[in-house]
Amino acid sequence: MTTLQSVPALGTHPASGSLPSRAETREQLSKAAYDLLVIGGGILGISTAWHAAQSGLRVALVDAGDFAGATSSASSKLLHGGLRYLQTGAVKLVAENHFERRAVSRQVAPHLANPLTFYLPVYKGGPHGAAKLGAGVFAYSALSAFGDGVGHVISPAKAQRDVPELRTDNLKAVAVYGDDQMNDARMALMTVRAAVDAGAVVLNHAAVTGLRFTRGRVTGADLEDRLDGTEFGVNARLVLNATGPWVDHLRRMENPDAAPSIRLSKGAHLVLKRTRPWKAALATPIDKYRITFALPWEDMLLLGTTDEAYEGDPADVAVTEKDTAQILDEAAFSIRDQQLSRDLITYSFAGLRVLPGGPGDTSKAKRETVVTEGRGGMLSVAGGKWTTFRHIGRTVMNKLAALPGHPLAQDMEPISHLPKKLPLPGIANPNAVAHRLLIDGAAPGPRMSADTARHLATHYGSLSFDIARMANENPALAERIHPDAPEIWAQVAYARDHEWAETADDVLRRRTTLTIRGLATDEIRAGVESVLGDRD
C-alpha cells in the first residue's frame, strides 16, 4: 500500500480539460441568467438537468452535499422491472420498467450496468408455491420480451452450484429470472457528466439558504458554499425542487403554509465479504409482499432491504442494530450461517424512499413520481425508481413545456425531438476495454492487474484510458490505494480533476468503493485529502 509519506508525490497538476475551479463556477452561476435552476443533485435532479440541457435550456444544478450523496447512492443497486408489482396487477408498469431497464443496460450505459441472474427459492411452508412463482417469472420475462431468457424453474442442486451458500433444507424448487445491477453512485456521476457535456453548470456542496422572488414568483436561490462559506446567488426563470427527502423543507421556503406532500420509508442494507464466489443473486420471499435480496456486488455481498416509515431528520438516517438484526434474520431464510457472520460485515448504509403522501403500509405504496407546482411557481418532483431515471427526466420536461403561458416551451426543443437513447459518457464494451487495458499494460511502464482493469472498465468505460494514461505518466498513480481493493491512486486524481470530488468521502464513498469495502483507513483518508488539496 502506498505510504502516507509518498502521497504528496501523487499530486499532479490538474489535467488539461479539467473542471473550472469552484470560484469560477460560483462566478458563472452568479452572473448568468438561467432558464432552469435545479436544486438537488440526486438522480431525479441530475436526469432533469441532463434532459433540459439537451433541449437547449440554460441549466444550473446545485446540491447541498455531493452529487448522489444521499438516497441516490443508498439504493439496492438494481435496474429492475419490479417483479413484486405483478402481484398487484401492474402489468403495464412492469413492462415500462423493463423497457427502461433494457435501454439503460443495453444502449445508454452498458459499461455501467451488468446483467444479473436471480434465483427465487421456494421453501416448504413459504408464502408462495413453486407453480405460482414459476408462472410469475415466466410472465416477468415475457414482459421483457424474453430479452434475458425465459423465466423458468430449476432444481435446488443446480441452484446450489451457482450459489454455494444457498440453504437447501426444505427447499422445493428455485425460480429463475433476469434483471440488471449497477454502482448507483457511478451511474449518477456519469449522468452529471452528460449534463455538463450538454451545457449544464453544476456545483456540489452548495446549500440553499433562501429562495429569490420577483413579484411573488420564485426566480432563483441564495446559496452558501459549504466548503469555504462564500455566499452567492443564482437567478432563473424557473426553479425545480428535486431535493428528495427534503422536498417539503424547500416547499416551505416557498410557502410556509405548504402541507406535507410526501412520506419517507427507510431502506437499510449491509455489505459483507463473500466466503465463496456467487454466480447468481437470491430474491427470497419473506411474506406476501416483501422480498429480501442477497446480491453479489463489487466482489462482495449486498443484503437488504428494510421498508419502514421514517419520520426523523433525513440527515440522520442510519442503520440501527434492529435493522442489522432484521436483515441478517431475513437473509437466514435462504443463506447458510457461515456467510452471515457479523465479522464479515464491512459496511452498512440506509436510504430514504420518497413516497406519495397517504395512509397505509409503506411496503405496499407505489414508487411513482409526483410533479407539483407551488404558490410561487416552483416545481417540485419527488419519488420514483432508479430504473426509470431517464423517463422521470422526460416527464419533468413535458411538464415544463406544458406550464401555463408556456414560459420555457418556445426556448426548448420538444422532448420528442431529442435522441431516444442517448448514451452516457464512456460508453463501450467493458470486456473490450478491460482487454485493451491489459494489452496496453504490456508496454513500458507499470503493468495493470486484471482486477484493476476490470474495475476501471465497468466503472468508467472508455474513460478508463484517461486514467491509464495518468498512471503511465506517473508510476505513483498506478499503485493500489489499498492492497485489498482494485482502485489505484490515478482514480483519486481523476476524481479531483474531472468528477467534482471535493472531500475524502466524495472519493472514498462514491467515486470509489474503498469505504464500502471497509478499507477507508485514517492513512488512506489522509492520502486522499492530500491529493485533493493539490489542485493549484
Protein backbone atom coordinates (compact mmCIF):
# COMPACT_ATOMS: atom_id res chain seq x y z
CA MET A 1 0.00 0.00 0.00
CA THR A 2 1.21 3.49 -0.75
CA THR A 3 2.58 5.05 2.42
CA LEU A 4 1.38 8.39 3.64
CA GLN A 5 4.87 9.81 3.22
CA SER A 6 4.76 9.16 -0.52
CA VAL A 7 1.29 10.54 -1.06
CA PRO A 8 2.31 14.15 -1.82
CA ALA A 9 4.17 12.83 -4.84
CA LEU A 10 0.83 11.64 -6.18
CA GLY A 11 -0.47 15.13 -6.63
CA THR A 12 -0.38 16.14 -10.25
CA HIS A 13 -1.34 19.50 -11.58
CA PRO A 14 -4.91 19.36 -12.90
CA ALA A 15 -5.04 17.74 -16.29
CA SER A 16 -5.89 19.60 -19.43
CA GLY A 17 -9.63 19.80 -19.88
CA SER A 18 -10.15 19.62 -16.13
CA LEU A 19 -13.04 21.30 -14.38
CA PRO A 20 -13.21 25.03 -13.61
CA SER A 21 -12.45 25.98 -10.02
CA ARG A 22 -15.28 26.39 -7.52
CA ALA A 23 -14.70 30.14 -7.53
CA GLU A 24 -15.02 30.24 -11.32
CA THR A 25 -18.19 28.14 -11.17
CA ARG A 26 -19.72 30.35 -8.47
CA GLU A 27 -18.98 33.44 -10.54
CA GLN A 28 -20.56 31.86 -13.60
CA LEU A 29 -23.65 30.88 -11.62
CA SER A 30 -23.92 34.36 -10.12
CA LYS A 31 -23.60 36.34 -13.36
CA ALA A 32 -25.65 34.29 -15.81
CA ALA A 33 -29.43 34.20 -16.06
CA TYR A 34 -30.64 30.61 -16.28
CA ASP A 35 -33.81 29.17 -17.72
CA LEU A 36 -33.89 26.42 -15.12
CA LEU A 37 -32.27 26.08 -11.70
CA VAL A 38 -32.39 22.51 -10.41
CA ILE A 39 -31.96 22.27 -6.64
CA GLY A 40 -30.99 18.73 -5.70
CA GLY A 41 -28.23 16.56 -7.16
CA GLY A 42 -29.83 13.18 -6.72
CA ILE A 43 -30.64 11.18 -9.82
CA LEU A 44 -34.02 12.89 -10.38
CA GLY A 45 -32.45 16.35 -10.43
CA ILE A 46 -29.47 15.13 -12.44
CA SER A 47 -31.65 13.44 -15.06
CA THR A 48 -33.83 16.53 -15.40
CA ALA A 49 -30.77 18.77 -15.77
CA TRP A 50 -29.40 16.40 -18.44
CA HIS A 51 -32.62 16.40 -20.45
CA ALA A 52 -33.17 20.15 -20.02
CA ALA A 53 -29.65 20.95 -21.22
CA GLN A 54 -30.15 18.62 -24.21
CA SER A 55 -33.30 20.56 -25.06
CA GLY A 56 -31.35 23.83 -25.32
CA LEU A 57 -32.23 25.43 -21.99
CA ARG A 58 -29.62 27.22 -19.86
CA VAL A 59 -29.45 24.95 -16.82
CA ALA A 60 -27.84 25.21 -13.39
CA LEU A 61 -27.75 22.35 -10.87
CA VAL A 62 -26.74 22.68 -7.20
CA ASP A 63 -26.74 20.34 -4.22
CA ALA A 64 -26.10 20.96 -0.53
CA GLY A 65 -23.95 17.83 -0.39
CA ASP A 66 -22.30 15.71 -3.02
CA PHE A 67 -23.96 14.50 -6.19
CA ALA A 68 -25.91 11.32 -5.33
CA GLY A 69 -24.74 11.91 -1.78
CA ALA A 70 -27.92 10.68 -0.07
CA THR A 71 -30.72 8.46 -1.36
CA SER A 72 -29.32 8.01 -4.86
CA SER A 73 -26.19 6.22 -3.62
CA ALA A 74 -28.09 4.23 -0.97
CA SER A 75 -30.22 2.06 -3.23
CA SER A 76 -30.20 -1.71 -3.75
CA LYS A 77 -28.07 -1.06 -6.87
CA LEU A 78 -30.67 -2.65 -9.15
CA LEU A 79 -32.10 -1.81 -12.55
CA HIS A 80 -35.21 -3.96 -12.48
CA GLY A 81 -38.69 -4.36 -13.79
CA GLY A 82 -40.23 -4.85 -10.35
CA LEU A 83 -41.23 -8.49 -10.01
CA ARG A 84 -43.38 -7.80 -6.95
CA TYR A 85 -45.54 -5.35 -8.91
CA LEU A 86 -47.02 -8.28 -10.83
CA GLN A 87 -48.84 -9.28 -7.63
CA THR A 88 -50.82 -6.07 -7.74
CA GLY A 89 -51.65 -6.48 -11.41
CA ALA A 90 -49.40 -3.62 -12.51
CA VAL A 91 -48.53 -5.30 -15.80
CA LYS A 92 -48.13 -2.05 -17.74
CA LEU A 93 -45.79 -0.64 -15.07
CA VAL A 94 -43.58 -3.73 -15.17
CA ALA A 95 -43.39 -3.58 -18.97
CA GLU A 96 -42.45 0.12 -18.84
CA ASN A 97 -39.80 -0.58 -16.21
CA HIS A 98 -38.35 -3.38 -18.33
CA PHE A 99 -38.19 -1.07 -21.35
CA GLU A 100 -36.20 1.50 -19.37
CA ARG A 101 -34.00 -1.16 -17.78
CA ARG A 102 -33.09 -2.62 -21.15
CA ALA A 103 -32.47 0.81 -22.65
CA VAL A 104 -30.05 1.74 -19.87
CA SER A 105 -28.24 -1.58 -19.70
CA ARG A 106 -28.04 -2.17 -23.47
CA GLN A 107 -27.83 1.24 -25.19
CA VAL A 108 -27.36 4.06 -22.67
CA ALA A 109 -24.85 2.64 -20.21
CA PRO A 110 -23.73 -0.93 -20.98
CA HIS A 111 -20.39 -0.01 -19.43
CA LEU A 112 -22.06 0.74 -16.09
CA ALA A 113 -24.77 -1.95 -15.90
CA ASN A 114 -24.31 -5.69 -15.52
CA PRO A 115 -26.83 -8.45 -16.25
CA LEU A 116 -27.64 -10.47 -13.14
CA THR A 117 -29.42 -13.81 -12.83
CA PHE A 118 -31.82 -14.05 -9.90
CA TYR A 119 -32.78 -17.23 -8.07
CA LEU A 120 -36.08 -17.13 -6.19
CA PRO A 121 -36.08 -20.06 -3.73
CA VAL A 122 -39.34 -21.85 -2.91
CA TYR A 123 -39.30 -23.38 0.56
CA LYS A 124 -41.81 -25.72 2.14
CA GLY A 125 -44.33 -23.61 4.03
CA GLY A 126 -43.22 -20.40 2.28
CA PRO A 127 -45.59 -17.61 1.20
CA HIS A 128 -45.68 -18.76 -2.46
CA GLY A 129 -45.71 -22.13 -4.21
CA ALA A 130 -43.42 -23.31 -6.99
CA ALA A 131 -46.17 -23.26 -9.63
CA LYS A 132 -47.14 -19.68 -8.81
CA LEU A 133 -43.57 -18.40 -8.81
CA GLY A 134 -42.74 -20.35 -11.95
CA ALA A 135 -45.67 -18.73 -13.73
CA GLY A 136 -44.67 -15.36 -12.26
CA VAL A 137 -41.09 -15.41 -13.55
CA PHE A 138 -42.29 -16.61 -16.96
CA ALA A 139 -44.71 -13.68 -17.16
CA TYR A 140 -41.99 -11.33 -15.91
CA SER A 141 -39.57 -12.45 -18.63
CA ALA A 142 -42.34 -12.24 -21.23
CA LEU A 143 -42.92 -8.58 -20.32
CA SER A 144 -39.22 -8.05 -21.07
CA ALA A 145 -39.71 -9.71 -24.48
CA PHE A 146 -37.57 -12.59 -23.17
CA GLY A 147 -34.51 -10.38 -23.56
CA ASP A 148 -32.93 -12.04 -20.50
CA GLY A 149 -34.07 -15.56 -21.36
CA VAL A 150 -37.25 -17.34 -20.38
CA GLY A 151 -38.18 -17.38 -16.71
CA HIS A 152 -38.20 -20.98 -15.51
CA VAL A 153 -37.74 -23.31 -12.53
CA ILE A 154 -34.60 -25.32 -11.70
CA SER A 155 -33.67 -27.90 -9.08
CA PRO A 156 -32.14 -27.00 -5.71
CA ALA A 157 -28.96 -28.90 -6.61
CA LYS A 158 -28.37 -26.83 -9.74
CA ALA A 159 -29.01 -23.59 -7.87
CA GLN A 160 -26.56 -24.50 -5.12
CA ARG A 161 -23.78 -24.98 -7.67
CA ASP A 162 -24.14 -21.29 -8.57
CA VAL A 163 -24.90 -20.06 -5.03
CA PRO A 164 -22.78 -22.26 -2.76
CA GLU A 165 -24.15 -20.73 0.45
CA LEU A 166 -27.78 -21.43 -0.51
CA ARG A 167 -29.72 -23.12 2.30
CA THR A 168 -31.25 -26.32 0.87
CA ASP A 169 -33.20 -27.60 3.88
CA ASN A 170 -36.88 -27.82 2.85
CA LEU A 171 -36.02 -26.19 -0.49
CA LYS A 172 -38.52 -27.47 -3.06
CA ALA A 173 -37.52 -25.58 -6.22
CA VAL A 174 -35.90 -22.39 -7.46
CA ALA A 175 -37.48 -19.96 -9.93
CA VAL A 176 -35.08 -18.08 -12.27
CA TYR A 177 -35.34 -14.64 -13.87
CA GLY A 178 -33.04 -11.86 -15.07
CA ASP A 179 -32.52 -8.18 -14.21
CA ASP A 180 -29.51 -5.84 -14.05
CA GLN A 181 -27.40 -4.16 -11.39
CA MET A 182 -25.09 -1.15 -11.22
CA ASN A 183 -22.95 1.01 -8.99
CA ASP A 184 -25.56 3.72 -8.40
CA ALA A 185 -23.08 6.46 -7.43
CA ARG A 186 -21.03 5.90 -10.59
CA MET A 187 -24.16 5.90 -12.78
CA ALA A 188 -25.24 9.20 -11.23
CA LEU A 189 -21.81 10.79 -11.73
CA MET A 190 -21.73 9.78 -15.38
CA THR A 191 -25.16 11.38 -15.80
CA VAL A 192 -23.85 14.59 -14.20
CA ARG A 193 -21.03 14.49 -16.71
CA ALA A 194 -23.54 14.04 -19.54
CA ALA A 195 -25.50 17.05 -18.30
CA VAL A 196 -22.34 19.18 -18.23
CA ASP A 197 -21.35 17.94 -21.69
CA ALA A 198 -24.78 19.18 -22.83
CA GLY A 199 -24.13 22.63 -21.34
CA ALA A 200 -25.35 22.49 -17.72
CA VAL A 201 -23.38 24.28 -14.98
CA VAL A 202 -23.17 22.25 -11.76
CA LEU A 203 -21.89 22.76 -8.22
CA ASN A 204 -21.99 20.37 -5.29
CA HIS A 205 -21.61 21.29 -1.59
CA ALA A 206 -23.66 24.45 -2.17
CA ALA A 207 -26.63 24.80 0.17
CA VAL A 208 -29.75 26.87 -0.48
CA THR A 209 -30.20 29.45 2.28
CA GLY A 210 -33.28 31.10 0.76
CA LEU A 211 -35.33 31.46 -2.38
CA ARG A 212 -35.43 34.59 -4.56
CA PHE A 213 -38.78 36.07 -5.50
CA THR A 214 -39.89 38.50 -8.21
CA ARG A 215 -43.47 39.73 -7.87
CA GLY A 216 -44.36 36.66 -5.85
CA ARG A 217 -42.73 34.18 -8.23
CA VAL A 218 -39.70 32.07 -7.31
CA THR A 219 -36.91 33.28 -9.59
CA GLY A 220 -33.75 31.83 -8.10
CA ALA A 221 -31.99 30.97 -4.87
CA ASP A 222 -29.41 32.29 -2.44
CA LEU A 223 -26.67 29.80 -1.64
CA GLU A 224 -23.71 29.22 0.61
CA ASP A 225 -20.62 27.27 -0.42
CA ARG A 226 -20.30 24.73 2.37
CA LEU A 227 -16.58 24.33 1.82
CA ASP A 228 -15.49 27.95 2.40
CA GLY A 229 -18.64 29.82 3.46
CA THR A 230 -18.85 32.01 0.33
CA GLU A 231 -22.36 33.34 -0.26
CA PHE A 232 -23.72 33.78 -3.76
CA GLY A 233 -26.96 33.51 -5.72
CA VAL A 234 -28.46 32.13 -8.90
CA ASN A 235 -31.23 33.74 -10.96
CA ALA A 236 -33.53 31.57 -13.05
CA ARG A 237 -36.84 31.83 -14.87
CA LEU A 238 -37.95 28.58 -13.22
CA VAL A 239 -36.76 26.64 -10.17
CA LEU A 240 -37.13 22.88 -9.81
CA ASN A 241 -37.12 21.41 -6.30
CA ALA A 242 -35.62 17.92 -6.64
CA THR A 243 -34.33 17.59 -3.09
CA GLY A 244 -35.74 14.13 -2.38
CA PRO A 245 -36.40 13.64 1.35
CA TRP A 246 -36.01 17.41 1.83
CA VAL A 247 -38.61 18.33 -0.82
CA ASP A 248 -41.13 19.64 1.72
CA HIS A 249 -38.43 21.66 3.50
CA LEU A 250 -37.84 23.63 0.31
CA ARG A 251 -41.56 23.87 -0.40
CA ARG A 252 -41.97 25.60 2.97
CA MET A 253 -39.33 28.14 1.91
CA GLU A 254 -41.67 28.96 -0.96
CA ASN A 255 -44.83 28.83 1.13
CA PRO A 256 -44.63 28.47 4.95
CA ASP A 257 -48.16 27.04 4.91
CA ALA A 258 -47.39 24.28 2.39
CA ALA A 259 -48.92 20.99 3.53
CA PRO A 260 -46.73 17.84 3.61
CA SER A 261 -46.66 16.18 0.19
CA ILE A 262 -44.58 13.05 0.84
CA ARG A 263 -43.79 10.38 3.37
CA LEU A 264 -40.50 8.59 3.82
CA SER A 265 -39.58 4.93 4.06
CA LYS A 266 -36.17 3.79 5.27
CA GLY A 267 -34.30 1.07 3.42
CA ALA A 268 -31.23 -0.32 5.18
CA HIS A 269 -28.54 -2.54 3.62
CA LEU A 270 -25.49 -4.49 4.76
CA VAL A 271 -22.32 -5.20 2.76
CA LEU A 272 -20.36 -8.36 3.62
CA LYS A 273 -17.25 -10.11 2.41
CA ARG A 274 -18.15 -13.25 0.48
CA THR A 275 -16.96 -16.62 1.74
CA ARG A 276 -17.15 -18.10 -1.78
CA PRO A 277 -17.97 -16.82 -5.29
CA TRP A 278 -21.64 -16.41 -6.25
CA LYS A 279 -22.83 -16.64 -9.85
CA ALA A 280 -26.40 -15.51 -9.17
CA ALA A 281 -28.39 -13.37 -6.76
CA LEU A 282 -31.07 -14.54 -4.33
CA ALA A 283 -34.51 -12.93 -4.07
CA THR A 284 -36.25 -14.66 -1.18
CA PRO A 285 -39.94 -14.02 -0.39
CA ILE A 286 -40.40 -13.05 3.26
CA ASP A 287 -44.15 -12.63 3.13
CA LYS A 288 -46.81 -12.00 0.53
CA TYR A 289 -45.40 -8.59 -0.43
CA ARG A 290 -41.76 -8.38 0.66
CA ILE A 291 -38.60 -9.90 -0.77
CA THR A 292 -35.13 -9.90 0.77
CA PHE A 293 -32.19 -9.67 -1.62
CA ALA A 294 -28.72 -11.18 -1.46
CA LEU A 295 -26.75 -9.68 -4.34
CA PRO A 296 -23.20 -10.38 -5.44
CA TRP A 297 -21.94 -6.84 -5.97
CA GLU A 298 -18.44 -5.33 -6.30
CA ASP A 299 -16.91 -8.72 -5.30
CA MET A 300 -18.91 -8.57 -2.07
CA LEU A 301 -22.42 -9.49 -0.93
CA LEU A 302 -25.15 -6.87 -0.56
CA LEU A 303 -28.05 -7.77 1.74
CA GLY A 304 -31.34 -5.94 2.23
CA THR A 305 -33.56 -4.23 2.42
CA THR A 306 -35.86 -2.97 5.14
CA ASP A 307 -39.00 -0.95 4.49
CA GLU A 308 -40.41 1.05 7.38
CA ALA A 309 -41.86 4.51 7.84
CA TYR A 310 -39.31 7.19 8.77
CA GLU A 311 -40.25 10.47 10.41
CA GLY A 312 -36.92 11.89 11.63
CA ASP A 313 -34.48 14.34 10.07
CA PRO A 314 -33.41 12.92 6.69
CA ALA A 315 -29.82 13.87 7.50
CA ASP A 316 -29.86 11.50 10.49
CA VAL A 317 -30.95 8.32 8.70
CA ALA A 318 -28.69 5.44 9.68
CA VAL A 319 -28.61 1.68 10.09
CA THR A 320 -29.62 0.62 13.59
CA GLU A 321 -28.94 -2.60 15.46
CA LYS A 322 -32.59 -3.50 14.85
CA ASP A 323 -32.06 -3.06 11.08
CA THR A 324 -28.92 -5.21 11.13
CA ALA A 325 -30.63 -7.99 13.07
CA GLN A 326 -33.67 -7.91 10.76
CA ILE A 327 -31.58 -8.08 7.58
CA LEU A 328 -29.46 -10.98 8.88
CA ASP A 329 -32.51 -12.83 10.21
CA GLU A 330 -34.35 -12.49 6.91
CA ALA A 331 -31.27 -13.46 4.90
CA ALA A 332 -31.02 -16.63 7.03
CA PHE A 333 -34.18 -17.94 5.39
CA SER A 334 -32.09 -18.87 2.36
CA ILE A 335 -28.40 -18.35 3.25
CA ARG A 336 -26.15 -20.55 5.40
CA ASP A 337 -24.97 -19.20 8.73
CA GLN A 338 -21.25 -19.03 7.85
CA GLN A 339 -21.96 -16.35 5.21
CA LEU A 340 -23.97 -14.28 7.69
CA SER A 341 -21.34 -13.84 10.39
CA ARG A 342 -21.24 -10.27 11.68
CA ASP A 343 -17.45 -10.43 11.35
CA LEU A 344 -17.92 -10.36 7.56
CA ILE A 345 -19.81 -7.03 7.57
CA THR A 346 -17.67 -4.27 6.01
CA TYR A 347 -20.25 -1.51 5.73
CA SER A 348 -23.90 -0.65 6.25
CA PHE A 349 -25.98 2.14 4.75
CA ALA A 350 -29.55 3.40 4.75
CA GLY A 351 -31.50 5.50 2.29
CA LEU A 352 -34.93 7.08 2.26
CA ARG A 353 -37.57 6.25 -0.31
CA VAL A 354 -39.74 9.24 -1.15
CA LEU A 355 -43.35 8.07 -1.40
CA PRO A 356 -46.55 9.97 -2.20
CA GLY A 357 -48.31 11.14 0.96
CA GLY A 358 -51.14 8.98 2.25
CA PRO A 359 -52.03 6.18 4.63
CA GLY A 360 -51.10 2.52 4.55
CA ASP A 361 -48.06 0.28 4.72
CA THR A 362 -45.01 1.81 3.01
CA SER A 363 -44.06 -1.58 1.55
CA LYS A 364 -47.30 -1.54 -0.47
CA ALA A 365 -47.04 2.10 -1.61
CA LYS A 366 -46.47 2.84 -5.28
CA ARG A 367 -42.98 4.00 -6.30
CA GLU A 368 -44.39 6.73 -8.51
CA THR A 369 -43.11 10.19 -9.38
CA VAL A 370 -45.20 13.22 -8.47
CA VAL A 371 -44.63 16.68 -10.01
CA THR A 372 -46.40 19.62 -8.31
CA GLU A 373 -46.37 23.40 -8.72
CA GLY A 374 -46.23 25.65 -5.67
CA ARG A 375 -47.76 29.02 -4.92
CA GLY A 376 -44.66 30.83 -6.17
CA GLY A 377 -44.39 28.77 -9.36
CA MET A 378 -41.63 26.46 -8.12
CA LEU A 379 -41.97 22.93 -9.44
CA SER A 380 -41.30 20.03 -7.07
CA VAL A 381 -40.53 16.50 -8.21
CA ALA A 382 -40.46 13.59 -5.80
CA GLY A 383 -40.49 9.81 -5.81
CA GLY A 384 -39.81 7.20 -8.43
CA LYS A 385 -37.34 4.42 -9.12
CA TRP A 386 -33.69 4.45 -10.13
CA THR A 387 -34.57 2.21 -13.08
CA THR A 388 -36.76 4.88 -14.68
CA PHE A 389 -34.47 7.88 -14.14
CA ARG A 390 -34.49 8.79 -17.84
CA HIS A 391 -38.28 8.54 -18.02
CA ILE A 392 -38.59 10.81 -14.97
CA GLY A 393 -36.37 13.42 -16.63
CA ARG A 394 -38.57 13.33 -19.72
CA THR A 395 -41.73 13.55 -17.58
CA VAL A 396 -40.48 16.72 -15.90
CA MET A 397 -39.52 18.21 -19.26
CA ASN A 398 -43.02 17.58 -20.60
CA LYS A 399 -44.39 19.32 -17.52
CA LEU A 400 -42.13 22.32 -18.20
CA ALA A 401 -43.32 22.52 -21.78
CA ALA A 402 -46.96 22.49 -20.70
CA LEU A 403 -46.78 25.17 -18.00
CA PRO A 404 -49.47 27.89 -18.25
CA GLY A 405 -48.25 30.59 -20.59
CA HIS A 406 -45.55 28.25 -21.86
CA PRO A 407 -42.69 30.33 -20.42
CA LEU A 408 -39.98 27.88 -21.49
CA ALA A 409 -41.59 25.99 -24.35
CA GLN A 410 -40.54 28.50 -27.03
CA ASP A 411 -36.88 28.20 -25.97
CA MET A 412 -36.63 24.43 -25.73
CA GLU A 413 -36.54 21.61 -28.20
CA PRO A 414 -39.56 19.32 -27.65
CA ILE A 415 -38.58 16.23 -25.70
CA SER A 416 -39.96 14.08 -28.53
CA HIS A 417 -37.29 15.52 -30.82
CA LEU A 418 -34.38 14.51 -28.57
CA PRO A 419 -32.40 11.29 -29.10
CA LYS A 420 -34.37 8.46 -27.54
CA LYS A 421 -31.41 6.55 -26.08
CA LEU A 422 -28.53 9.00 -25.88
CA PRO A 423 -25.59 7.15 -24.28
CA LEU A 424 -23.75 8.25 -21.18
CA PRO A 425 -20.07 9.26 -21.43
CA GLY A 426 -17.60 6.41 -21.72
CA ILE A 427 -19.99 4.05 -23.49
CA ALA A 428 -18.05 0.99 -24.60
CA ASN A 429 -17.99 -2.78 -24.27
CA PRO A 430 -16.40 -3.23 -20.84
CA ASN A 431 -14.85 -6.56 -21.79
CA ALA A 432 -13.08 -4.93 -24.73
CA VAL A 433 -11.92 -2.02 -22.55
CA ALA A 434 -10.51 -4.35 -19.90
CA HIS A 435 -8.72 -6.39 -22.59
CA ARG A 436 -7.21 -3.26 -24.10
CA LEU A 437 -6.04 -2.00 -20.69
CA LEU A 438 -4.23 -5.28 -20.09
CA ILE A 439 -2.71 -5.31 -23.58
CA ASP A 440 -1.51 -1.72 -23.22
CA GLY A 441 -0.11 -2.64 -19.83
CA ALA A 442 2.41 -4.86 -21.55
CA ALA A 443 4.12 -1.74 -22.91
CA PRO A 444 6.87 0.02 -20.92
CA GLY A 445 5.51 1.29 -17.62
CA PRO A 446 3.58 -0.24 -14.72
CA ARG A 447 1.60 -3.33 -15.62
CA MET A 448 -2.09 -3.09 -14.70
CA SER A 449 -3.57 -6.02 -12.79
CA ALA A 450 -6.59 -7.87 -14.17
CA ASP A 451 -8.91 -6.86 -11.33
CA THR A 452 -7.98 -3.18 -11.71
CA ALA A 453 -8.53 -3.33 -15.46
CA ARG A 454 -11.94 -4.92 -14.95
CA HIS A 455 -12.86 -2.42 -12.26
CA LEU A 456 -11.94 0.58 -14.43
CA ALA A 457 -13.75 -0.83 -17.47
CA THR A 458 -17.00 -1.38 -15.57
CA HIS A 459 -16.95 1.97 -13.74
CA TYR A 460 -15.61 4.36 -16.40
CA GLY A 461 -15.95 2.57 -19.74
CA SER A 462 -13.68 4.12 -22.38
CA LEU A 463 -12.79 6.94 -19.97
CA SER A 464 -10.61 4.29 -18.31
CA PHE A 465 -7.96 5.09 -20.90
CA ASP A 466 -7.62 8.62 -19.49
CA ILE A 467 -6.95 7.14 -16.06
CA ALA A 468 -4.50 4.64 -17.50
CA ARG A 469 -2.60 7.47 -19.21
CA MET A 470 -2.29 9.30 -15.89
CA ALA A 471 -0.91 6.11 -14.31
CA ASN A 472 1.56 5.60 -17.15
CA GLU A 473 2.84 9.16 -16.86
CA ASN A 474 3.27 8.96 -13.08
CA PRO A 475 4.06 5.46 -11.72
CA ALA A 476 2.97 6.51 -8.23
CA LEU A 477 -0.55 6.93 -9.58
CA ALA A 478 -0.52 3.32 -10.82
CA GLU A 479 -0.19 1.97 -7.27
CA ARG A 480 -3.17 0.49 -5.49
CA ILE A 481 -4.79 2.66 -2.85
CA HIS A 482 -5.21 -0.44 -0.66
CA PRO A 483 -3.85 -3.92 -1.43
CA ASP A 484 -7.30 -5.50 -0.95
CA ALA A 485 -9.13 -3.24 -3.44
CA PRO A 486 -8.75 -2.81 -7.21
CA GLU A 487 -8.66 1.02 -7.18
CA ILE A 488 -5.47 2.93 -7.98
CA TRP A 489 -4.35 6.43 -6.98
CA ALA A 490 -4.91 7.73 -10.51
CA GLN A 491 -8.64 7.47 -9.80
CA VAL A 492 -8.30 9.95 -6.94
CA ALA A 493 -6.53 12.48 -9.14
CA TYR A 494 -9.10 11.86 -11.86
CA ALA A 495 -11.97 12.36 -9.41
CA ARG A 496 -10.39 15.66 -8.36
CA ASP A 497 -9.84 16.94 -11.90
CA HIS A 498 -12.90 15.59 -13.72
CA GLU A 499 -15.56 14.36 -11.26
CA TRP A 500 -16.19 17.23 -8.80
CA ALA A 501 -14.65 15.38 -5.83
CA GLU A 502 -14.09 17.87 -3.03
CA THR A 503 -13.86 15.77 0.15
CA ALA A 504 -12.38 12.44 1.13
CA ASP A 505 -15.90 10.98 1.44
CA ASP A 506 -16.71 12.11 -2.11
CA VAL A 507 -13.82 9.92 -3.29
CA LEU A 508 -13.91 7.02 -0.85
CA ARG A 509 -17.69 6.51 -0.67
CA ARG A 510 -18.97 7.47 -4.13
CA ARG A 511 -16.20 7.68 -6.74
CA THR A 512 -14.50 4.52 -5.48
CA THR A 513 -15.57 1.57 -3.31
CA LEU A 514 -12.97 1.89 -0.52
CA THR A 515 -15.45 2.87 2.21
CA ILE A 516 -17.95 0.19 1.23
CA ARG A 517 -15.17 -2.42 1.39
CA GLY A 518 -14.27 -1.27 4.90
CA LEU A 519 -10.84 -0.09 3.72
CA ALA A 520 -11.05 3.70 4.21
CA THR A 521 -8.36 3.81 6.90
CA ASP A 522 -7.18 7.04 8.50
CA GLU A 523 -3.96 6.78 6.48
CA ILE A 524 -5.81 6.37 3.18
CA ARG A 525 -8.20 9.18 4.08
CA ALA A 526 -5.25 11.49 4.77
CA GLY A 527 -3.66 10.46 1.48
CA VAL A 528 -6.83 11.22 -0.46
CA GLU A 529 -7.12 14.63 1.23
CA SER A 530 -3.53 15.34 0.24
CA VAL A 531 -4.23 14.56 -3.42
CA LEU A 532 -7.44 16.61 -3.36
CA GLY A 533 -5.54 19.53 -1.88
CA ASP A 534 -3.05 19.61 -4.74
CA ARG A 535 -5.31 21.47 -7.18
CA ASP A 536 -3.25 24.52 -7.96
